[in-house]
N, C-alpha and C. Protein backbone atom coordinates (compact mmCIF):
# COMPACT_ATOMS: atom_id res chain seq x y z
N MET A 1 -15.21 1.57 -1.38
CA MET A 1 -13.82 1.71 -0.95
C MET A 1 -12.95 0.66 -1.62
N ARG A 2 -11.80 1.09 -2.11
CA ARG A 2 -10.90 0.16 -2.81
C ARG A 2 -9.66 -0.09 -1.95
N ILE A 3 -9.64 -1.24 -1.31
CA ILE A 3 -8.50 -1.64 -0.49
C ILE A 3 -7.81 -2.79 -1.20
N ILE A 4 -6.52 -2.66 -1.44
CA ILE A 4 -5.74 -3.71 -2.10
C ILE A 4 -4.65 -4.16 -1.15
N THR A 5 -4.55 -5.47 -0.93
CA THR A 5 -3.49 -6.01 -0.08
C THR A 5 -2.55 -6.86 -0.93
N ILE A 6 -1.27 -6.81 -0.58
CA ILE A 6 -0.26 -7.56 -1.34
C ILE A 6 0.58 -8.40 -0.40
N GLU A 7 0.53 -9.70 -0.59
CA GLU A 7 1.47 -10.62 0.05
C GLU A 7 2.48 -11.00 -1.02
N ARG A 8 3.72 -11.24 -0.60
CA ARG A 8 4.75 -11.44 -1.63
C ARG A 8 5.89 -12.30 -1.13
N GLU A 9 6.47 -13.05 -2.06
CA GLU A 9 7.71 -13.76 -1.78
C GLU A 9 8.86 -12.77 -1.80
N PHE A 10 9.84 -13.02 -0.96
CA PHE A 10 11.01 -12.14 -0.90
C PHE A 10 11.73 -12.16 -2.25
N GLY A 11 11.97 -10.96 -2.79
CA GLY A 11 12.66 -10.86 -4.07
C GLY A 11 11.76 -10.86 -5.28
N SER A 12 10.45 -11.01 -5.07
CA SER A 12 9.53 -11.09 -6.21
C SER A 12 9.15 -9.72 -6.76
N GLY A 13 9.47 -8.67 -6.03
CA GLY A 13 9.11 -7.32 -6.49
C GLY A 13 7.77 -6.84 -5.96
N GLY A 14 7.24 -7.50 -4.94
CA GLY A 14 5.92 -7.13 -4.42
C GLY A 14 5.87 -5.72 -3.86
N ARG A 15 6.95 -5.30 -3.20
CA ARG A 15 6.98 -3.94 -2.64
C ARG A 15 6.94 -2.90 -3.77
N GLU A 16 7.76 -3.10 -4.79
CA GLU A 16 7.76 -2.16 -5.92
C GLU A 16 6.41 -2.18 -6.62
N LEU A 17 5.83 -3.35 -6.78
CA LEU A 17 4.53 -3.46 -7.43
C LEU A 17 3.48 -2.68 -6.66
N GLY A 18 3.50 -2.79 -5.33
CA GLY A 18 2.53 -2.07 -4.52
C GLY A 18 2.66 -0.57 -4.69
N LYS A 19 3.89 -0.07 -4.68
CA LYS A 19 4.10 1.37 -4.80
C LYS A 19 3.72 1.87 -6.20
N ARG A 20 4.09 1.12 -7.21
CA ARG A 20 3.74 1.54 -8.58
C ARG A 20 2.23 1.46 -8.82
N LEU A 21 1.60 0.43 -8.29
CA LEU A 21 0.15 0.30 -8.44
C LEU A 21 -0.57 1.46 -7.76
N ALA A 22 -0.15 1.78 -6.53
CA ALA A 22 -0.76 2.89 -5.81
C ALA A 22 -0.56 4.20 -6.57
N GLY A 23 0.63 4.37 -7.16
CA GLY A 23 0.88 5.58 -7.94
C GLY A 23 -0.03 5.65 -9.16
N SER A 24 -0.24 4.52 -9.81
CA SER A 24 -1.10 4.47 -10.98
C SER A 24 -2.55 4.79 -10.62
N MET A 25 -2.98 4.33 -9.46
CA MET A 25 -4.36 4.54 -9.02
C MET A 25 -4.52 5.84 -8.22
N GLU A 26 -3.40 6.51 -7.97
CA GLU A 26 -3.37 7.76 -7.22
C GLU A 26 -3.99 7.60 -5.83
N ILE A 27 -3.54 6.55 -5.14
CA ILE A 27 -3.97 6.28 -3.77
C ILE A 27 -2.73 5.99 -2.92
N PRO A 28 -2.82 6.08 -1.59
CA PRO A 28 -1.65 5.83 -0.75
C PRO A 28 -1.21 4.36 -0.77
N CYS A 29 0.09 4.16 -0.57
CA CYS A 29 0.64 2.82 -0.37
C CYS A 29 1.29 2.78 0.99
N TYR A 30 0.93 1.79 1.80
CA TYR A 30 1.48 1.67 3.14
C TYR A 30 2.33 0.41 3.22
N ASP A 31 3.61 0.62 3.49
CA ASP A 31 4.56 -0.48 3.63
C ASP A 31 5.50 -0.12 4.78
N GLN A 32 6.59 0.56 4.49
CA GLN A 32 7.49 1.03 5.53
C GLN A 32 6.77 2.01 6.47
N GLU A 33 5.75 2.68 5.94
CA GLU A 33 4.99 3.63 6.74
C GLU A 33 4.34 2.96 7.95
N LEU A 34 3.92 1.69 7.78
CA LEU A 34 3.34 0.94 8.89
C LEU A 34 4.37 0.74 9.99
N ILE A 35 5.57 0.36 9.59
CA ILE A 35 6.65 0.15 10.55
C ILE A 35 6.98 1.43 11.29
N ASP A 36 7.10 2.53 10.55
CA ASP A 36 7.46 3.81 11.16
C ASP A 36 6.43 4.26 12.18
N GLU A 37 5.14 4.05 11.87
CA GLU A 37 4.10 4.49 12.80
C GLU A 37 4.08 3.65 14.07
N VAL A 38 4.25 2.35 13.93
CA VAL A 38 4.29 1.47 15.11
C VAL A 38 5.52 1.80 15.95
N ALA A 39 6.63 2.09 15.30
CA ALA A 39 7.86 2.45 16.02
C ALA A 39 7.64 3.69 16.88
N LYS A 40 6.94 4.68 16.33
CA LYS A 40 6.65 5.89 17.09
C LYS A 40 5.76 5.60 18.29
N LEU A 41 4.79 4.73 18.10
CA LEU A 41 3.87 4.41 19.19
C LEU A 41 4.60 3.82 20.39
N HIS A 42 5.65 3.02 20.13
CA HIS A 42 6.35 2.31 21.20
C HIS A 42 7.72 2.90 21.51
N ASN A 43 8.05 4.01 20.84
CA ASN A 43 9.35 4.65 21.05
C ASN A 43 10.50 3.65 20.83
N LEU A 44 10.38 2.89 19.75
CA LEU A 44 11.40 1.92 19.38
C LEU A 44 11.89 2.24 17.98
N SER A 45 13.03 1.69 17.61
CA SER A 45 13.57 1.98 16.29
C SER A 45 12.79 1.22 15.21
N PRO A 46 12.62 1.82 14.02
CA PRO A 46 11.95 1.13 12.92
C PRO A 46 12.64 -0.19 12.56
N GLU A 47 13.98 -0.24 12.67
CA GLU A 47 14.71 -1.46 12.35
C GLU A 47 14.32 -2.60 13.29
N TYR A 48 14.16 -2.27 14.56
CA TYR A 48 13.76 -3.27 15.56
C TYR A 48 12.33 -3.74 15.29
N ILE A 49 11.44 -2.79 15.00
CA ILE A 49 10.04 -3.14 14.73
C ILE A 49 9.95 -4.05 13.51
N GLU A 50 10.71 -3.71 12.47
CA GLU A 50 10.67 -4.52 11.24
C GLU A 50 11.17 -5.93 11.50
N ARG A 51 12.18 -6.05 12.35
CA ARG A 51 12.74 -7.37 12.63
C ARG A 51 11.74 -8.28 13.33
N ILE A 52 10.97 -7.72 14.25
CA ILE A 52 10.07 -8.58 15.03
C ILE A 52 8.65 -8.64 14.48
N SER A 53 8.30 -7.75 13.55
CA SER A 53 6.91 -7.67 13.13
C SER A 53 6.44 -8.90 12.35
N GLU A 54 7.36 -9.58 11.67
CA GLU A 54 6.95 -10.75 10.91
C GLU A 54 7.78 -11.99 11.26
N SER A 55 8.54 -11.90 12.34
CA SER A 55 9.40 -13.03 12.67
C SER A 55 9.32 -13.42 14.13
N ASP A 56 9.84 -12.58 15.04
CA ASP A 56 9.95 -12.97 16.43
C ASP A 56 8.62 -13.29 17.09
N ILE A 57 7.52 -12.76 16.57
CA ILE A 57 6.22 -13.02 17.17
C ILE A 57 5.91 -14.52 17.24
N ARG A 58 6.43 -15.29 16.29
CA ARG A 58 6.09 -16.71 16.25
C ARG A 58 6.64 -17.46 17.47
N THR A 59 7.68 -16.91 18.11
CA THR A 59 8.29 -17.61 19.23
C THR A 59 7.52 -17.42 20.53
N VAL A 60 6.61 -16.45 20.56
CA VAL A 60 5.89 -16.17 21.80
C VAL A 60 4.38 -16.23 21.62
N TYR A 61 3.92 -16.55 20.44
CA TYR A 61 2.49 -16.62 20.17
C TYR A 61 2.08 -18.08 20.07
N PRO A 62 1.61 -18.68 21.15
CA PRO A 62 1.29 -20.10 21.13
C PRO A 62 0.16 -20.41 20.16
N ARG A 63 0.32 -21.47 19.41
CA ARG A 63 -0.72 -21.85 18.46
C ARG A 63 -2.03 -22.21 19.17
N THR A 64 -1.94 -22.58 20.45
CA THR A 64 -3.15 -22.96 21.19
C THR A 64 -4.05 -21.76 21.47
N ILE A 65 -3.52 -20.54 21.33
CA ILE A 65 -4.33 -19.35 21.57
C ILE A 65 -5.38 -19.20 20.48
N GLY A 66 -5.06 -19.65 19.29
CA GLY A 66 -5.96 -19.43 18.16
C GLY A 66 -5.57 -18.14 17.47
N HIS A 67 -6.54 -17.48 16.88
CA HIS A 67 -6.24 -16.32 16.07
C HIS A 67 -6.85 -15.05 16.64
N ARG A 68 -7.01 -14.95 17.92
CA ARG A 68 -7.65 -13.80 18.53
C ARG A 68 -6.61 -12.86 19.13
N PHE A 69 -6.57 -11.65 18.63
CA PHE A 69 -5.61 -10.68 19.14
C PHE A 69 -5.93 -10.29 20.57
N SER A 70 -7.20 -10.44 20.98
CA SER A 70 -7.55 -10.10 22.36
C SER A 70 -6.78 -10.96 23.35
N SER A 71 -6.40 -12.16 22.94
CA SER A 71 -5.66 -13.05 23.83
C SER A 71 -4.24 -12.56 24.06
N MET A 72 -3.77 -11.65 23.23
CA MET A 72 -2.40 -11.18 23.36
C MET A 72 -2.19 -10.39 24.65
N ARG A 73 -3.26 -9.86 25.23
CA ARG A 73 -3.11 -9.05 26.42
C ARG A 73 -2.50 -9.83 27.57
N ALA A 74 -2.63 -11.15 27.52
CA ALA A 74 -2.11 -11.99 28.59
C ALA A 74 -0.61 -12.20 28.48
N ILE A 75 0.02 -11.77 27.37
CA ILE A 75 1.43 -12.02 27.15
C ILE A 75 2.18 -10.70 27.09
N SER A 76 3.15 -10.52 27.97
CA SER A 76 3.92 -9.29 28.00
C SER A 76 5.20 -9.49 27.20
N ASN A 77 5.22 -8.94 26.00
CA ASN A 77 6.38 -9.11 25.13
C ASN A 77 6.32 -8.06 24.03
N ASP A 78 7.48 -7.52 23.64
CA ASP A 78 7.50 -6.52 22.57
C ASP A 78 6.83 -7.03 21.30
N SER A 79 7.06 -8.30 20.98
CA SER A 79 6.51 -8.85 19.75
C SER A 79 4.99 -8.81 19.75
N ILE A 80 4.39 -9.15 20.87
CA ILE A 80 2.95 -9.16 20.97
C ILE A 80 2.41 -7.73 20.93
N LYS A 81 3.06 -6.82 21.63
CA LYS A 81 2.63 -5.42 21.62
C LYS A 81 2.71 -4.84 20.21
N VAL A 82 3.78 -5.17 19.52
CA VAL A 82 3.96 -4.67 18.16
C VAL A 82 2.89 -5.22 17.24
N ALA A 83 2.60 -6.52 17.34
CA ALA A 83 1.59 -7.13 16.48
C ALA A 83 0.21 -6.51 16.72
N ALA A 84 -0.13 -6.28 17.99
CA ALA A 84 -1.43 -5.68 18.31
C ALA A 84 -1.51 -4.25 17.78
N SER A 85 -0.43 -3.49 17.95
CA SER A 85 -0.40 -2.11 17.45
C SER A 85 -0.45 -2.07 15.93
N GLN A 86 0.27 -3.00 15.32
CA GLN A 86 0.29 -3.07 13.86
C GLN A 86 -1.10 -3.32 13.31
N LYS A 87 -1.84 -4.19 13.97
CA LYS A 87 -3.21 -4.48 13.56
C LYS A 87 -4.07 -3.22 13.63
N LYS A 88 -3.95 -2.47 14.72
CA LYS A 88 -4.75 -1.25 14.89
C LYS A 88 -4.38 -0.21 13.84
N VAL A 89 -3.08 -0.08 13.55
CA VAL A 89 -2.64 0.88 12.55
C VAL A 89 -3.17 0.51 11.18
N ILE A 90 -3.11 -0.77 10.83
CA ILE A 90 -3.61 -1.24 9.53
C ILE A 90 -5.10 -0.95 9.41
N GLU A 91 -5.86 -1.23 10.45
CA GLU A 91 -7.31 -0.99 10.42
C GLU A 91 -7.61 0.50 10.31
N ARG A 92 -6.85 1.33 11.02
CA ARG A 92 -7.10 2.77 10.97
C ARG A 92 -6.79 3.33 9.58
N LEU A 93 -5.67 2.92 8.99
CA LEU A 93 -5.31 3.42 7.67
C LEU A 93 -6.33 2.99 6.62
N ALA A 94 -6.80 1.75 6.72
CA ALA A 94 -7.80 1.27 5.76
C ALA A 94 -9.12 2.03 5.91
N SER A 95 -9.46 2.40 7.13
CA SER A 95 -10.72 3.11 7.37
C SER A 95 -10.71 4.51 6.77
N GLN A 96 -9.51 5.02 6.46
CA GLN A 96 -9.40 6.38 5.92
C GLN A 96 -9.71 6.45 4.43
N GLY A 97 -9.73 5.30 3.75
CA GLY A 97 -10.08 5.31 2.33
C GLY A 97 -9.22 4.39 1.49
N ASP A 98 -9.34 4.54 0.19
CA ASP A 98 -8.64 3.69 -0.77
C ASP A 98 -7.14 3.65 -0.47
N CYS A 99 -6.55 2.45 -0.58
CA CYS A 99 -5.12 2.33 -0.34
C CYS A 99 -4.61 0.96 -0.74
N VAL A 100 -3.29 0.87 -0.83
CA VAL A 100 -2.58 -0.40 -1.03
C VAL A 100 -1.79 -0.68 0.23
N LEU A 101 -1.90 -1.90 0.77
CA LEU A 101 -1.13 -2.28 1.94
C LEU A 101 -0.28 -3.50 1.60
N VAL A 102 1.01 -3.41 1.92
CA VAL A 102 1.95 -4.46 1.55
C VAL A 102 2.31 -5.30 2.78
N GLY A 103 2.00 -6.60 2.71
CA GLY A 103 2.43 -7.55 3.73
C GLY A 103 1.75 -7.40 5.07
N ARG A 104 2.38 -8.02 6.09
CA ARG A 104 1.99 -7.94 7.50
C ARG A 104 0.58 -8.43 7.77
N GLY A 105 0.13 -9.39 6.97
CA GLY A 105 -1.16 -10.03 7.21
C GLY A 105 -2.35 -9.13 6.98
N ALA A 106 -2.18 -8.04 6.22
CA ALA A 106 -3.27 -7.09 6.01
C ALA A 106 -4.46 -7.74 5.33
N ASP A 107 -4.22 -8.73 4.46
CA ASP A 107 -5.33 -9.40 3.79
C ASP A 107 -6.25 -10.11 4.77
N VAL A 108 -5.68 -10.60 5.86
CA VAL A 108 -6.47 -11.28 6.90
C VAL A 108 -7.09 -10.26 7.85
N ILE A 109 -6.27 -9.31 8.31
CA ILE A 109 -6.74 -8.31 9.26
C ILE A 109 -7.90 -7.49 8.70
N LEU A 110 -7.87 -7.23 7.39
CA LEU A 110 -8.89 -6.39 6.76
C LEU A 110 -9.96 -7.20 6.04
N LYS A 111 -10.17 -8.41 6.46
CA LYS A 111 -11.12 -9.30 5.80
C LYS A 111 -12.50 -8.67 5.65
N GLU A 112 -12.95 -7.94 6.67
CA GLU A 112 -14.28 -7.34 6.63
C GLU A 112 -14.39 -6.23 5.58
N TYR A 113 -13.25 -5.70 5.14
CA TYR A 113 -13.25 -4.67 4.10
C TYR A 113 -13.35 -5.27 2.70
N ARG A 114 -13.29 -6.58 2.62
CA ARG A 114 -13.32 -7.29 1.34
C ARG A 114 -12.27 -6.72 0.37
N PRO A 115 -11.00 -6.75 0.77
CA PRO A 115 -9.95 -6.19 -0.09
C PRO A 115 -9.70 -7.05 -1.32
N PHE A 116 -9.10 -6.43 -2.32
CA PHE A 116 -8.60 -7.18 -3.47
C PHE A 116 -7.25 -7.74 -3.06
N ARG A 117 -7.14 -9.06 -3.01
CA ARG A 117 -5.95 -9.70 -2.44
C ARG A 117 -5.03 -10.22 -3.56
N ILE A 118 -3.78 -9.76 -3.50
CA ILE A 118 -2.78 -10.13 -4.50
C ILE A 118 -1.66 -10.92 -3.83
N PHE A 119 -1.18 -11.94 -4.53
CA PHE A 119 0.04 -12.63 -4.10
C PHE A 119 1.05 -12.55 -5.23
N VAL A 120 2.25 -12.10 -4.91
CA VAL A 120 3.31 -11.91 -5.92
C VAL A 120 4.40 -12.94 -5.69
N TYR A 121 4.79 -13.63 -6.76
CA TYR A 121 5.81 -14.67 -6.66
C TYR A 121 6.68 -14.66 -7.92
N ALA A 122 7.75 -15.43 -7.88
CA ALA A 122 8.64 -15.53 -9.04
C ALA A 122 9.51 -16.76 -8.88
N ASP A 123 10.18 -17.15 -9.97
CA ASP A 123 11.10 -18.28 -9.86
C ASP A 123 12.37 -17.85 -9.13
N GLN A 124 13.13 -18.82 -8.69
CA GLN A 124 14.30 -18.57 -7.85
C GLN A 124 15.32 -17.67 -8.54
N VAL A 125 15.59 -17.94 -9.80
CA VAL A 125 16.60 -17.18 -10.53
C VAL A 125 16.20 -15.71 -10.62
N SER A 126 14.93 -15.45 -10.94
CA SER A 126 14.46 -14.07 -11.06
C SER A 126 14.54 -13.34 -9.73
N LYS A 127 14.18 -14.03 -8.66
CA LYS A 127 14.22 -13.40 -7.34
C LYS A 127 15.66 -13.08 -6.92
N ILE A 128 16.56 -13.99 -7.18
CA ILE A 128 17.97 -13.75 -6.83
C ILE A 128 18.54 -12.60 -7.64
N ASN A 129 18.24 -12.59 -8.93
CA ASN A 129 18.74 -11.50 -9.78
C ASN A 129 18.20 -10.15 -9.34
N ARG A 130 16.92 -10.12 -8.96
CA ARG A 130 16.32 -8.87 -8.50
C ARG A 130 17.00 -8.40 -7.21
N CYS A 131 17.26 -9.34 -6.31
CA CYS A 131 17.92 -8.99 -5.04
C CYS A 131 19.35 -8.51 -5.26
N LEU A 132 20.07 -9.18 -6.16
CA LEU A 132 21.45 -8.78 -6.46
C LEU A 132 21.49 -7.37 -7.05
N ALA A 133 20.51 -7.07 -7.89
CA ALA A 133 20.48 -5.77 -8.56
C ALA A 133 20.22 -4.63 -7.58
N ARG A 134 19.46 -4.89 -6.54
CA ARG A 134 19.11 -3.83 -5.60
C ARG A 134 19.95 -3.87 -4.32
N SER A 135 20.84 -4.85 -4.20
CA SER A 135 21.62 -5.01 -2.98
C SER A 135 22.56 -3.83 -2.75
N GLU A 136 22.55 -3.34 -1.51
CA GLU A 136 23.45 -2.25 -1.13
C GLU A 136 24.56 -2.75 -0.22
N LYS A 137 24.49 -4.02 0.18
CA LYS A 137 25.47 -4.56 1.11
C LYS A 137 26.43 -5.54 0.44
N GLY A 138 26.23 -5.76 -0.84
CA GLY A 138 27.12 -6.63 -1.57
C GLY A 138 26.97 -8.11 -1.24
N GLU A 139 25.74 -8.54 -0.89
CA GLU A 139 25.52 -9.95 -0.59
C GLU A 139 25.78 -10.81 -1.83
N ASN A 140 26.26 -12.02 -1.59
CA ASN A 140 26.42 -12.95 -2.70
C ASN A 140 25.16 -13.81 -2.84
N GLU A 141 25.17 -14.66 -3.85
CA GLU A 141 23.97 -15.45 -4.15
C GLU A 141 23.58 -16.36 -2.99
N LYS A 142 24.56 -16.98 -2.35
CA LYS A 142 24.26 -17.89 -1.23
C LYS A 142 23.62 -17.15 -0.07
N GLU A 143 24.12 -15.97 0.23
CA GLU A 143 23.56 -15.16 1.31
C GLU A 143 22.13 -14.76 1.01
N ILE A 144 21.87 -14.41 -0.22
CA ILE A 144 20.51 -14.03 -0.62
C ILE A 144 19.56 -15.22 -0.54
N GLN A 145 20.02 -16.38 -0.98
CA GLN A 145 19.18 -17.58 -0.89
C GLN A 145 18.82 -17.89 0.56
N ARG A 146 19.79 -17.74 1.45
CA ARG A 146 19.56 -17.99 2.87
C ARG A 146 18.56 -16.97 3.44
N GLN A 147 18.74 -15.72 3.07
CA GLN A 147 17.84 -14.67 3.53
C GLN A 147 16.43 -14.88 2.99
N MET A 148 16.35 -15.26 1.74
CA MET A 148 15.07 -15.50 1.09
C MET A 148 14.28 -16.59 1.81
N LYS A 149 14.95 -17.70 2.10
CA LYS A 149 14.31 -18.82 2.77
C LYS A 149 13.83 -18.42 4.16
N TYR A 150 14.67 -17.70 4.89
CA TYR A 150 14.34 -17.28 6.26
C TYR A 150 13.15 -16.33 6.28
N ILE A 151 13.18 -15.31 5.42
CA ILE A 151 12.12 -14.31 5.42
C ILE A 151 10.80 -14.89 4.96
N ASP A 152 10.82 -15.69 3.90
CA ASP A 152 9.57 -16.28 3.42
C ASP A 152 8.96 -17.22 4.44
N LYS A 153 9.80 -17.96 5.15
CA LYS A 153 9.28 -18.86 6.19
C LYS A 153 8.62 -18.06 7.30
N ASN A 154 9.25 -16.96 7.70
CA ASN A 154 8.66 -16.11 8.74
C ASN A 154 7.34 -15.50 8.29
N ARG A 155 7.29 -15.08 7.04
CA ARG A 155 6.05 -14.50 6.52
C ARG A 155 4.93 -15.54 6.51
N GLU A 156 5.28 -16.74 6.12
CA GLU A 156 4.29 -17.82 6.10
C GLU A 156 3.77 -18.12 7.50
N ILE A 157 4.68 -18.24 8.45
CA ILE A 157 4.28 -18.56 9.83
C ILE A 157 3.42 -17.44 10.41
N TYR A 158 3.85 -16.19 10.21
CA TYR A 158 3.11 -15.06 10.74
C TYR A 158 1.70 -15.02 10.17
N HIS A 159 1.59 -15.18 8.87
CA HIS A 159 0.28 -15.15 8.20
C HIS A 159 -0.61 -16.28 8.72
N ASP A 160 -0.03 -17.47 8.85
CA ASP A 160 -0.81 -18.63 9.26
C ASP A 160 -1.23 -18.55 10.73
N LEU A 161 -0.53 -17.75 11.53
CA LEU A 161 -0.95 -17.54 12.91
C LEU A 161 -2.21 -16.68 12.98
N LEU A 162 -2.40 -15.85 11.97
CA LEU A 162 -3.55 -14.96 11.94
C LEU A 162 -4.76 -15.58 11.27
N SER A 163 -4.56 -16.63 10.49
CA SER A 163 -5.64 -17.13 9.65
C SER A 163 -5.59 -18.65 9.53
N ASP A 164 -6.73 -19.23 9.19
CA ASP A 164 -6.80 -20.65 8.91
C ASP A 164 -6.39 -20.95 7.47
N THR A 165 -6.24 -19.90 6.66
CA THR A 165 -5.82 -20.10 5.27
C THR A 165 -4.30 -20.13 5.18
N LYS A 166 -3.78 -20.70 4.11
CA LYS A 166 -2.34 -20.85 3.93
C LYS A 166 -1.77 -19.72 3.08
N TRP A 167 -0.67 -19.17 3.57
CA TRP A 167 0.04 -18.11 2.85
C TRP A 167 0.51 -18.66 1.50
N GLY A 168 0.16 -17.95 0.43
CA GLY A 168 0.61 -18.34 -0.90
C GLY A 168 -0.30 -19.27 -1.66
N ASP A 169 -1.30 -19.89 -1.00
CA ASP A 169 -2.23 -20.77 -1.71
C ASP A 169 -3.12 -19.93 -2.63
N LYS A 170 -3.19 -20.31 -3.90
CA LYS A 170 -3.87 -19.47 -4.88
C LYS A 170 -5.35 -19.27 -4.57
N GLU A 171 -5.97 -20.21 -3.87
CA GLU A 171 -7.39 -20.10 -3.55
C GLU A 171 -7.68 -18.92 -2.62
N ASN A 172 -6.67 -18.41 -1.96
CA ASN A 172 -6.87 -17.36 -0.97
C ASN A 172 -6.64 -15.95 -1.51
N TYR A 173 -6.43 -15.85 -2.82
CA TYR A 173 -6.14 -14.54 -3.43
C TYR A 173 -6.99 -14.34 -4.68
N HIS A 174 -7.26 -13.08 -4.97
CA HIS A 174 -8.00 -12.79 -6.19
C HIS A 174 -7.10 -12.85 -7.42
N LEU A 175 -5.81 -12.58 -7.19
CA LEU A 175 -4.88 -12.59 -8.32
C LEU A 175 -3.48 -12.97 -7.83
N CYS A 176 -2.87 -13.95 -8.49
CA CYS A 176 -1.48 -14.33 -8.22
C CYS A 176 -0.65 -13.88 -9.42
N ILE A 177 0.39 -13.13 -9.17
CA ILE A 177 1.19 -12.53 -10.23
C ILE A 177 2.59 -13.10 -10.23
N ASN A 178 2.97 -13.71 -11.34
CA ASN A 178 4.31 -14.27 -11.52
C ASN A 178 5.18 -13.20 -12.20
N THR A 179 6.16 -12.67 -11.48
CA THR A 179 6.99 -11.60 -12.03
C THR A 179 8.28 -12.12 -12.66
N SER A 180 8.41 -13.42 -12.83
CA SER A 180 9.63 -14.01 -13.39
C SER A 180 9.96 -13.40 -14.75
N GLY A 181 11.17 -12.86 -14.86
CA GLY A 181 11.62 -12.32 -16.13
C GLY A 181 10.89 -11.07 -16.59
N ARG A 182 10.13 -10.45 -15.71
CA ARG A 182 9.37 -9.26 -16.10
C ARG A 182 9.83 -8.05 -15.30
N THR A 183 9.71 -6.87 -15.91
CA THR A 183 9.90 -5.65 -15.14
C THR A 183 8.57 -5.32 -14.48
N ILE A 184 8.61 -4.87 -13.25
CA ILE A 184 7.38 -4.57 -12.52
C ILE A 184 6.59 -3.47 -13.22
N LYS A 185 7.30 -2.50 -13.72
CA LYS A 185 6.64 -1.36 -14.38
C LYS A 185 5.75 -1.80 -15.53
N SER A 186 6.18 -2.82 -16.27
CA SER A 186 5.40 -3.27 -17.43
C SER A 186 4.08 -3.93 -17.04
N LEU A 187 3.97 -4.38 -15.79
CA LEU A 187 2.77 -5.07 -15.34
C LEU A 187 1.66 -4.13 -14.87
N ILE A 188 2.02 -2.91 -14.56
CA ILE A 188 1.09 -2.00 -13.88
C ILE A 188 -0.13 -1.59 -14.71
N PRO A 189 0.01 -1.22 -15.98
CA PRO A 189 -1.19 -0.81 -16.72
C PRO A 189 -2.28 -1.88 -16.76
N GLY A 190 -1.88 -3.12 -17.08
CA GLY A 190 -2.87 -4.21 -17.12
C GLY A 190 -3.45 -4.51 -15.75
N LEU A 191 -2.60 -4.47 -14.73
CA LEU A 191 -3.06 -4.75 -13.37
C LEU A 191 -4.03 -3.68 -12.90
N THR A 192 -3.73 -2.44 -13.18
CA THR A 192 -4.61 -1.34 -12.78
C THR A 192 -5.98 -1.47 -13.42
N ALA A 193 -6.00 -1.78 -14.71
CA ALA A 193 -7.28 -1.95 -15.42
C ALA A 193 -8.07 -3.11 -14.83
N TYR A 194 -7.38 -4.19 -14.52
CA TYR A 194 -8.04 -5.38 -13.95
C TYR A 194 -8.68 -5.04 -12.60
N ILE A 195 -7.96 -4.32 -11.76
CA ILE A 195 -8.47 -4.00 -10.43
C ILE A 195 -9.64 -3.04 -10.52
N TYR A 196 -9.57 -2.04 -11.38
CA TYR A 196 -10.71 -1.12 -11.54
C TYR A 196 -11.95 -1.90 -11.96
N ASP A 197 -11.78 -2.82 -12.90
CA ASP A 197 -12.92 -3.62 -13.37
C ASP A 197 -13.47 -4.48 -12.25
N TRP A 198 -12.58 -5.06 -11.44
CA TRP A 198 -13.03 -5.94 -10.34
C TRP A 198 -13.87 -5.17 -9.34
N PHE A 199 -13.43 -3.98 -8.95
CA PHE A 199 -14.19 -3.19 -7.97
C PHE A 199 -15.51 -2.69 -8.57
N GLN A 200 -15.53 -2.37 -9.85
CA GLN A 200 -16.76 -1.89 -10.47
C GLN A 200 -17.83 -2.97 -10.51
N ASN A 201 -17.41 -4.22 -10.46
CA ASN A 201 -18.36 -5.32 -10.57
C ASN A 201 -18.66 -6.00 -9.24
N GLN A 202 -18.28 -5.36 -8.14
CA GLN A 202 -18.57 -5.91 -6.82
C GLN A 202 -19.95 -5.45 -6.33
C-alpha cells in the first residue's frame, strides 16, 4: 500500500503538490474532502470544521493528557469531537488503499501504515507571491504575512500535540521539498519517480 502524507508551510504550495502528485500516480488525494466528511458527521459547516481542526483544539487539549485520543472522551467540546472524528476518517480512508493525505497530522495518525512523509516549505518571498497570486479577497502583503504566521503556528502546535516529534524537523520526513522560485507542476515528474522507487525498495 502506498500512503503519502504531506505537511506544509502556508503558501508553500503543499496542497497543489498533493493534488498534482495524486493525479500523476492516479490515486485519490484527501484534503478538503476530510473537512467535508467530518462536517457531515457532525452536521456542521465545512468552514467551521476547517477553522477548528488545526487551531482551536490547542485551547482545550491539555498537554498533560499526552497524545492519546482515548483521553478526549473526558472533554466535551466541538474541537475535541472534530479531532477524534478526523482521526477516524483519516484511518478509514487510508485503509481503503493508496492515497495522498494533506495536513491534519496524517503522518502521525497513520504511523503504523509507514507512509512516505513529505514536508513542503519555501522562503518568505516565494510564499507571499504564491498567496498574492491565488488570493480572491485582495489581501495585501502584511495581511498575508500575519495569516501565514498564525496558520503555521497552529499547524505546528496541532502536530506537536499528536506526536513527540517536531513539525518541520527534517529528521521526521522522508523528503523535504523547497518550492522557492519553482512551479509545483515542474516538480511532479521527479517526485513521482522518487516515490515509486522508495516504495519498491521497502
